[in-house]
Amino acid sequence: MHTPPLILLVDDDSQIHDLYSTIFKRNGFGVVEAWNGEEGLKIAMKEKPDLILLDVMMPIMDGTKMFLELK
């Protein structure tokens, strides 16, 4: 069974979520979403996505801190 590549989208803007999720899903990718860096970090550690799209300016934990924690 083939599983599609998984993309983690981390952004606090709902329009960005809607746009990218729609495009990626239509093209056969799996998408998981987070609304801040703290939530994104938890999902990234659990799901092990193939690609992470990460906004820099977000509440709770910004993208730079999330990136450094993942590193």
PDB file of N, CA and C in Angstrom:
ATOM      1  N   MET A   1       0.827  -1.178   0.000  1.00  0.00           N
ATOM      2  CA  MET A   1       0.000   0.000   0.000  1.00  0.00           C
ATOM      3  C   MET A   1       0.874   1.245   0.000  1.00  0.00           C
ATOM      4  N   HIS A   2       0.615   2.146  -0.903  1.00  0.00           N
ATOM      5  CA  HIS A   2       1.399   3.373  -1.046  1.00  0.00           C
ATOM      6  C   HIS A   2       0.753   4.498  -0.250  1.00  0.00           C
ATOM      7  N   THR A   3       1.530   5.129   0.627  1.00  0.00           N
ATOM      8  CA  THR A   3       1.003   6.281   1.358  1.00  0.00           C
ATOM      9  C   THR A   3       1.563   7.555   0.732  1.00  0.00           C
ATOM     10  N   PRO A   4       0.717   8.564   0.568  1.00  0.00           N
ATOM     11  CA  PRO A   4       1.197   9.807  -0.049  1.00  0.00           C
ATOM     12  C   PRO A   4       2.150  10.547   0.881  1.00  0.00           C
ATOM     13  N   PRO A   5       3.037  11.370   0.306  1.00  0.00           N
ATOM     14  CA  PRO A   5       3.905  12.188   1.158  1.00  0.00           C
ATOM     15  C   PRO A   5       3.051  13.066   2.076  1.00  0.00           C
ATOM     16  N   LEU A   6       3.528  13.264   3.304  1.00  0.00           N
ATOM     17  CA  LEU A   6       2.780  14.019   4.297  1.00  0.00           C
ATOM     18  C   LEU A   6       3.410  15.396   4.487  1.00  0.00           C
ATOM     19  N   ILE A   7       2.578  16.428   4.408  1.00  0.00           N
ATOM     20  CA  ILE A   7       3.015  17.808   4.591  1.00  0.00           C
ATOM     21  C   ILE A   7       2.393  18.354   5.866  1.00  0.00           C
ATOM     22  N   LEU A   8       3.226  18.958   6.705  1.00  0.00           N
ATOM     23  CA  LEU A   8       2.745  19.642   7.905  1.00  0.00           C
ATOM     24  C   LEU A   8       2.736  21.131   7.600  1.00  0.00           C
ATOM     25  N   LEU A   9       1.569  21.735   7.709  1.00  0.00           N
ATOM     26  CA  LEU A   9       1.394  23.158   7.471  1.00  0.00           C
ATOM     27  C   LEU A   9       1.220  23.852   8.815  1.00  0.00           C
ATOM     28  N   VAL A  10       2.154  24.736   9.170  1.00  0.00           N
ATOM     29  CA  VAL A  10       2.111  25.431  10.455  1.00  0.00           C
ATOM     30  C   VAL A  10       1.999  26.926  10.185  1.00  0.00           C
ATOM     31  N   ASP A  11       0.822  27.485  10.443  1.00  0.00           N
ATOM     32  CA  ASP A  11       0.564  28.896  10.183  1.00  0.00           C
ATOM     33  C   ASP A  11      -0.653  29.313  10.990  1.00  0.00           C
ATOM     34  N   ASP A  12      -0.701  30.570  11.405  1.00  0.00           N
ATOM     35  CA  ASP A  12      -1.841  31.059  12.172  1.00  0.00           C
ATOM     36  C   ASP A  12      -2.888  31.757  11.301  1.00  0.00           C
ATOM     37  N   ASP A  13      -2.712  31.737  10.001  1.00  0.00           N
ATOM     38  CA  ASP A  13      -3.627  32.397   9.062  1.00  0.00           C
ATOM     39  C   ASP A  13      -4.540  31.356   8.401  1.00  0.00           C
ATOM     40  N   SER A  14      -5.831  31.459   8.629  1.00  0.00           N
ATOM     41  CA  SER A  14      -6.774  30.472   8.096  1.00  0.00           C
ATOM     42  C   SER A  14      -6.831  30.477   6.572  1.00  0.00           C
ATOM     43  N   GLN A  15      -6.596  31.621   5.936  1.00  0.00           N
ATOM     44  CA  GLN A  15      -6.589  31.678   4.472  1.00  0.00           C
ATOM     45  C   GLN A  15      -5.424  30.880   3.899  1.00  0.00           C
ATOM     46  N   ILE A  16      -4.293  30.938   4.568  1.00  0.00           N
ATOM     47  CA  ILE A  16      -3.127  30.155   4.132  1.00  0.00           C
ATOM     48  C   ILE A  16      -3.444  28.667   4.274  1.00  0.00           C
ATOM     49  N   HIS A  17      -4.029  28.279   5.389  1.00  0.00           N
ATOM     50  CA  HIS A  17      -4.423  26.882   5.592  1.00  0.00           C
ATOM     51  C   HIS A  17      -5.351  26.417   4.478  1.00  0.00           C
ATOM     52  N   ASP A  18      -6.380  27.193   4.207  1.00  0.00           N
ATOM     53  CA  ASP A  18      -7.360  26.810   3.188  1.00  0.00           C
ATOM     54  C   ASP A  18      -6.711  26.676   1.818  1.00  0.00           C
ATOM     55  N   LEU A  19      -5.909  27.661   1.439  1.00  0.00           N
ATOM     56  CA  LEU A  19      -5.273  27.661   0.121  1.00  0.00           C
ATOM     57  C   LEU A  19      -4.337  26.471  -0.065  1.00  0.00           C
ATOM     58  N   TYR A  20      -3.369  26.346   0.825  1.00  0.00           N
ATOM     59  CA  TYR A  20      -2.379  25.283   0.668  1.00  0.00           C
ATOM     60  C   TYR A  20      -2.970  23.892   0.864  1.00  0.00           C
ATOM     61  N   SER A  21      -3.854  23.737   1.836  1.00  0.00           N
ATOM     62  CA  SER A  21      -4.469  22.425   2.055  1.00  0.00           C
ATOM     63  C   SER A  21      -5.212  21.959   0.810  1.00  0.00           C
ATOM     64  N   THR A  22      -5.982  22.849   0.232  1.00  0.00           N
ATOM     65  CA  THR A  22      -6.742  22.505  -0.973  1.00  0.00           C
ATOM     66  C   THR A  22      -5.819  22.098  -2.105  1.00  0.00           C
ATOM     67  N   ILE A  23      -4.797  22.889  -2.352  1.00  0.00           N
ATOM     68  CA  ILE A  23      -3.861  22.598  -3.451  1.00  0.00           C
ATOM     69  C   ILE A  23      -3.139  21.276  -3.223  1.00  0.00           C
ATOM     70  N   PHE A  24      -2.611  21.079  -2.028  1.00  0.00           N
ATOM     71  CA  PHE A  24      -1.860  19.852  -1.750  1.00  0.00           C
ATOM     72  C   PHE A  24      -2.753  18.611  -1.819  1.00  0.00           C
ATOM     73  N   LYS A  25      -3.926  18.679  -1.223  1.00  0.00           N
ATOM     74  CA  LYS A  25      -4.828  17.526  -1.230  1.00  0.00           C
ATOM     75  C   LYS A  25      -5.278  17.172  -2.640  1.00  0.00           C
ATOM     76  N   ARG A  26      -5.550  18.177  -3.454  1.00  0.00           N
ATOM     77  CA  ARG A  26      -5.942  17.929  -4.851  1.00  0.00           C
ATOM     78  C   ARG A  26      -4.828  17.250  -5.643  1.00  0.00           C
ATOM     79  N   ASN A  27      -3.595  17.433  -5.190  1.00  0.00           N
ATOM     80  CA  ASN A  27      -2.458  16.846  -5.888  1.00  0.00           C
ATOM     81  C   ASN A  27      -1.936  15.587  -5.208  1.00  0.00           C
ATOM     82  N   GLY A  28      -2.746  15.013  -4.330  1.00  0.00           N
ATOM     83  CA  GLY A  28      -2.435  13.700  -3.778  1.00  0.00           C
ATOM     84  C   GLY A  28      -1.566  13.666  -2.542  1.00  0.00           C
ATOM     85  N   PHE A  29      -1.329  14.806  -1.913  1.00  0.00           N
ATOM     86  CA  PHE A  29      -0.519  14.837  -0.704  1.00  0.00           C
ATOM     87  C   PHE A  29      -1.409  14.697   0.525  1.00  0.00           C
ATOM     88  N   GLY A  30      -0.853  14.131   1.582  1.00  0.00           N
ATOM     89  CA  GLY A  30      -1.520  14.147   2.870  1.00  0.00           C
ATOM     90  C   GLY A  30      -1.156  15.453   3.567  1.00  0.00           C
ATOM     91  N   VAL A  31      -2.083  16.027   4.282  1.00  0.00           N
ATOM     92  CA  VAL A  31      -1.836  17.310   4.954  1.00  0.00           C
ATOM     93  C   VAL A  31      -2.285  17.217   6.410  1.00  0.00           C
ATOM     94  N   VAL A  32      -1.417  17.641   7.312  1.00  0.00           N
ATOM     95  CA  VAL A  32      -1.786  17.850   8.705  1.00  0.00           C
ATOM     96  C   VAL A  32      -1.512  19.321   9.006  1.00  0.00           C
ATOM     97  N   GLU A  33      -2.313  19.890   9.898  1.00  0.00           N
ATOM     98  CA  GLU A  33      -2.232  21.327  10.125  1.00  0.00           C
ATOM     99  C   GLU A  33      -2.049  21.661  11.596  1.00  0.00           C
ATOM    100  N   ALA A  34      -1.309  22.746  11.838  1.00  0.00           N
ATOM    101  CA  ALA A  34      -1.132  23.288  13.178  1.00  0.00           C
ATOM    102  C   ALA A  34      -1.255  24.805  13.073  1.00  0.00           C
ATOM    103  N   TRP A  35      -1.670  25.425  14.177  1.00  0.00           N
ATOM    104  CA  TRP A  35      -1.939  26.863  14.176  1.00  0.00           C
ATOM    105  C   TRP A  35      -0.876  27.678  14.901  1.00  0.00           C
ATOM    106  N   ASN A  36       0.102  27.019  15.505  1.00  0.00           N
ATOM    107  CA  ASN A  36       1.222  27.722  16.147  1.00  0.00           C
ATOM    108  C   ASN A  36       2.384  26.740  16.266  1.00  0.00           C
ATOM    109  N   GLY A  37       3.535  27.263  16.632  1.00  0.00           N
ATOM    110  CA  GLY A  37       4.723  26.437  16.692  1.00  0.00           C
ATOM    111  C   GLY A  37       4.681  25.339  17.735  1.00  0.00           C
ATOM    112  N   GLU A  38       4.049  25.601  18.857  1.00  0.00           N
ATOM    113  CA  GLU A  38       3.969  24.582  19.905  1.00  0.00           C
ATOM    114  C   GLU A  38       3.167  23.370  19.429  1.00  0.00           C
ATOM    115  N   GLU A  39       2.023  23.654  18.840  1.00  0.00           N
ATOM    116  CA  GLU A  39       1.189  22.584  18.285  1.00  0.00           C
ATOM    117  C   GLU A  39       1.913  21.889  17.127  1.00  0.00           C
ATOM    118  N   GLY A  40       2.567  22.682  16.287  1.00  0.00           N
ATOM    119  CA  GLY A  40       3.310  22.131  15.154  1.00  0.00           C
ATOM    120  C   GLY A  40       4.420  21.199  15.587  1.00  0.00           C
ATOM    121  N   LEU A  41       5.124  21.571  16.646  1.00  0.00           N
ATOM    122  CA  LEU A  41       6.220  20.739  17.158  1.00  0.00           C
ATOM    123  C   LEU A  41       5.692  19.387  17.627  1.00  0.00           C
ATOM    124  N   LYS A  42       4.588  19.394  18.355  1.00  0.00           N
ATOM    125  CA  LYS A  42       4.001  18.138  18.833  1.00  0.00           C
ATOM    126  C   LYS A  42       3.588  17.249  17.657  1.00  0.00           C
ATOM    127  N   ILE A  43       2.959  17.840  16.666  1.00  0.00           N
ATOM    128  CA  ILE A  43       2.518  17.067  15.502  1.00  0.00           C
ATOM    129  C   ILE A  43       3.719  16.551  14.717  1.00  0.00           C
ATOM    130  N   ALA A  44       4.734  17.380  14.556  1.00  0.00           N
ATOM    131  CA  ALA A  44       5.927  16.965  13.809  1.00  0.00           C
ATOM    132  C   ALA A  44       6.617  15.776  14.467  1.00  0.00           C
ATOM    133  N   MET A  45       6.700  15.803  15.782  1.00  0.00           N
ATOM    134  CA  MET A  45       7.355  14.704  16.503  1.00  0.00           C
ATOM    135  C   MET A  45       6.555  13.410  16.391  1.00  0.00           C
ATOM    136  N   LYS A  46       5.241  13.523  16.367  1.00  0.00           N
ATOM    137  CA  LYS A  46       4.377  12.345  16.301  1.00  0.00           C
ATOM    138  C   LYS A  46       4.240  11.809  14.867  1.00  0.00           C
ATOM    139  N   GLU A  47       3.983  12.690  13.922  1.00  0.00           N
ATOM    140  CA  GLU A  47       3.650  12.286  12.552  1.00  0.00           C
ATOM    141  C   GLU A  47       4.861  12.105  11.629  1.00  0.00           C
ATOM    142  N   LYS A  48       5.980  12.731  11.941  1.00  0.00           N
ATOM    143  CA  LYS A  48       7.190  12.656  11.110  1.00  0.00           C
ATOM    144  C   LYS A  48       6.885  13.001   9.639  1.00  0.00           C
ATOM    145  N   PRO A  49       6.425  14.238   9.383  1.00  0.00           N
ATOM    146  CA  PRO A  49       6.052  14.614   8.017  1.00  0.00           C
ATOM    147  C   PRO A  49       7.260  14.637   7.087  1.00  0.00           C
ATOM    148  N   ASP A  50       6.978  14.513   5.796  1.00  0.00           N
ATOM    149  CA  ASP A  50       8.029  14.572   4.782  1.00  0.00           C
ATOM    150  C   ASP A  50       8.478  16.008   4.513  1.00  0.00           C
ATOM    151  N   LEU A  51       7.565  16.949   4.740  1.00  0.00           N
ATOM    152  CA  LEU A  51       7.841  18.366   4.493  1.00  0.00           C
ATOM    153  C   LEU A  51       7.079  19.192   5.505  1.00  0.00           C
ATOM    154  N   ILE A  52       7.716  20.262   6.008  1.00  0.00           N
ATOM    155  CA  ILE A  52       7.044  21.182   6.921  1.00  0.00           C
ATOM    156  C   ILE A  52       7.075  22.575   6.305  1.00  0.00           C
ATOM    157  N   LEU A  53       5.899  23.177   6.140  1.00  0.00           N
ATOM    158  CA  LEU A  53       5.789  24.577   5.737  1.00  0.00           C
ATOM    159  C   LEU A  53       5.514  25.363   7.008  1.00  0.00           C
ATOM    160  N   LEU A  54       6.421  26.257   7.342  1.00  0.00           N
ATOM    161  CA  LEU A  54       6.434  26.874   8.662  1.00  0.00           C
ATOM    162  C   LEU A  54       6.463  28.389   8.555  1.00  0.00           C
ATOM    163  N   ASP A  55       5.438  29.035   9.103  1.00  0.00           N
ATOM    164  CA  ASP A  55       5.394  30.491   9.190  1.00  0.00           C
ATOM    165  C   ASP A  55       6.360  30.930  10.283  1.00  0.00           C
ATOM    166  N   VAL A  56       6.934  32.109  10.129  1.00  0.00           N
ATOM    167  CA  VAL A  56       7.882  32.591  11.130  1.00  0.00           C
ATOM    168  C   VAL A  56       7.163  33.303  12.275  1.00  0.00           C
ATOM    169  N   MET A  57       6.214  34.182  11.956  1.00  0.00           N
ATOM    170  CA  MET A  57       5.545  34.983  12.983  1.00  0.00           C
ATOM    171  C   MET A  57       4.206  34.351  13.353  1.00  0.00           C
ATOM    172  N   MET A  58       4.174  33.725  14.546  1.00  0.00           N
ATOM    173  CA  MET A  58       2.962  33.071  15.050  1.00  0.00           C
ATOM    174  C   MET A  58       2.892  33.254  16.556  1.00  0.00           C
ATOM    175  N   PRO A  59       1.685  33.105  17.127  1.00  0.00           N
ATOM    176  CA  PRO A  59       1.556  33.193  18.584  1.00  0.00           C
ATOM    177  C   PRO A  59       2.062  31.918  19.272  1.00  0.00           C
ATOM    178  N   ILE A  60       2.214  31.994  20.559  1.00  0.00           N
ATOM    179  CA  ILE A  60       2.620  30.914  21.463  1.00  0.00           C
ATOM    180  C   ILE A  60       4.077  30.501  21.236  1.00  0.00           C
ATOM    181  N   MET A  61       4.400  29.965  20.062  1.00  0.00           N
ATOM    182  CA  MET A  61       5.789  29.649  19.713  1.00  0.00           C
ATOM    183  C   MET A  61       5.971  30.036  18.254  1.00  0.00           C
ATOM    184  N   ASP A  62       6.946  30.916  17.978  1.00  0.00           N
ATOM    185  CA  ASP A  62       7.142  31.331  16.594  1.00  0.00           C
ATOM    186  C   ASP A  62       7.871  30.250  15.791  1.00  0.00           C
ATOM    187  N   GLY A  63       7.902  30.441  14.489  1.00  0.00           N
ATOM    188  CA  GLY A  63       8.489  29.446  13.598  1.00  0.00           C
ATOM    189  C   GLY A  63       9.971  29.223  13.809  1.00  0.00           C
ATOM    190  N   THR A  64      10.691  30.281  14.150  1.00  0.00           N
ATOM    191  CA  THR A  64      12.131  30.147  14.380  1.00  0.00           C
ATOM    192  C   THR A  64      12.399  29.251  15.583  1.00  0.00           C
ATOM    193  N   LYS A  65      11.652  29.463  16.655  1.00  0.00           N
ATOM    194  CA  LYS A  65      11.841  28.627  17.858  1.00  0.00           C
ATOM    195  C   LYS A  65      11.454  27.179  17.558  1.00  0.00           C
ATOM    196  N   MET A  66      10.368  27.001  16.817  1.00  0.00           N
ATOM    197  CA  MET A  66       9.964  25.633  16.456  1.00  0.00           C
ATOM    198  C   MET A  66      11.056  24.948  15.642  1.00  0.00           C
ATOM    199  N   PHE A  67      11.597  25.671  14.673  1.00  0.00           N
ATOM    200  CA  PHE A  67      12.667  25.127  13.837  1.00  0.00           C
ATOM    201  C   PHE A  67      13.864  24.704  14.693  1.00  0.00           C
ATOM    202  N   LEU A  68      14.260  25.564  15.607  1.00  0.00           N
ATOM    203  CA  LEU A  68      15.405  25.249  16.459  1.00  0.00           C
ATOM    204  C   LEU A  68      15.131  24.047  17.367  1.00  0.00           C
ATOM    205  N   GLU A  69      13.898  23.931  17.855  1.00  0.00           N
ATOM    206  CA  GLU A  69      13.523  22.774  18.672  1.00  0.00           C
ATOM    207  C   GLU A  69      13.561  21.482  17.856  1.00  0.00           C
ATOM    208  N   LEU A  70      13.117  21.544  16.604  1.00  0.00           N
ATOM    209  CA  LEU A  70      13.140  20.370  15.742  1.00  0.00           C
ATOM    210  C   LEU A  70      14.560  19.944  15.403  1.00  0.00           C
ATOM    211  N   LYS A  71      15.407  20.932  15.221  1.00  0.00           N
ATOM    212  CA  LYS A  71      16.781  20.681  14.821  1.00  0.00           C
ATOM    213  C   LYS A  71      17.473  19.842  15.864  1.00  0.00           C
TER     214      LYS A  71
END
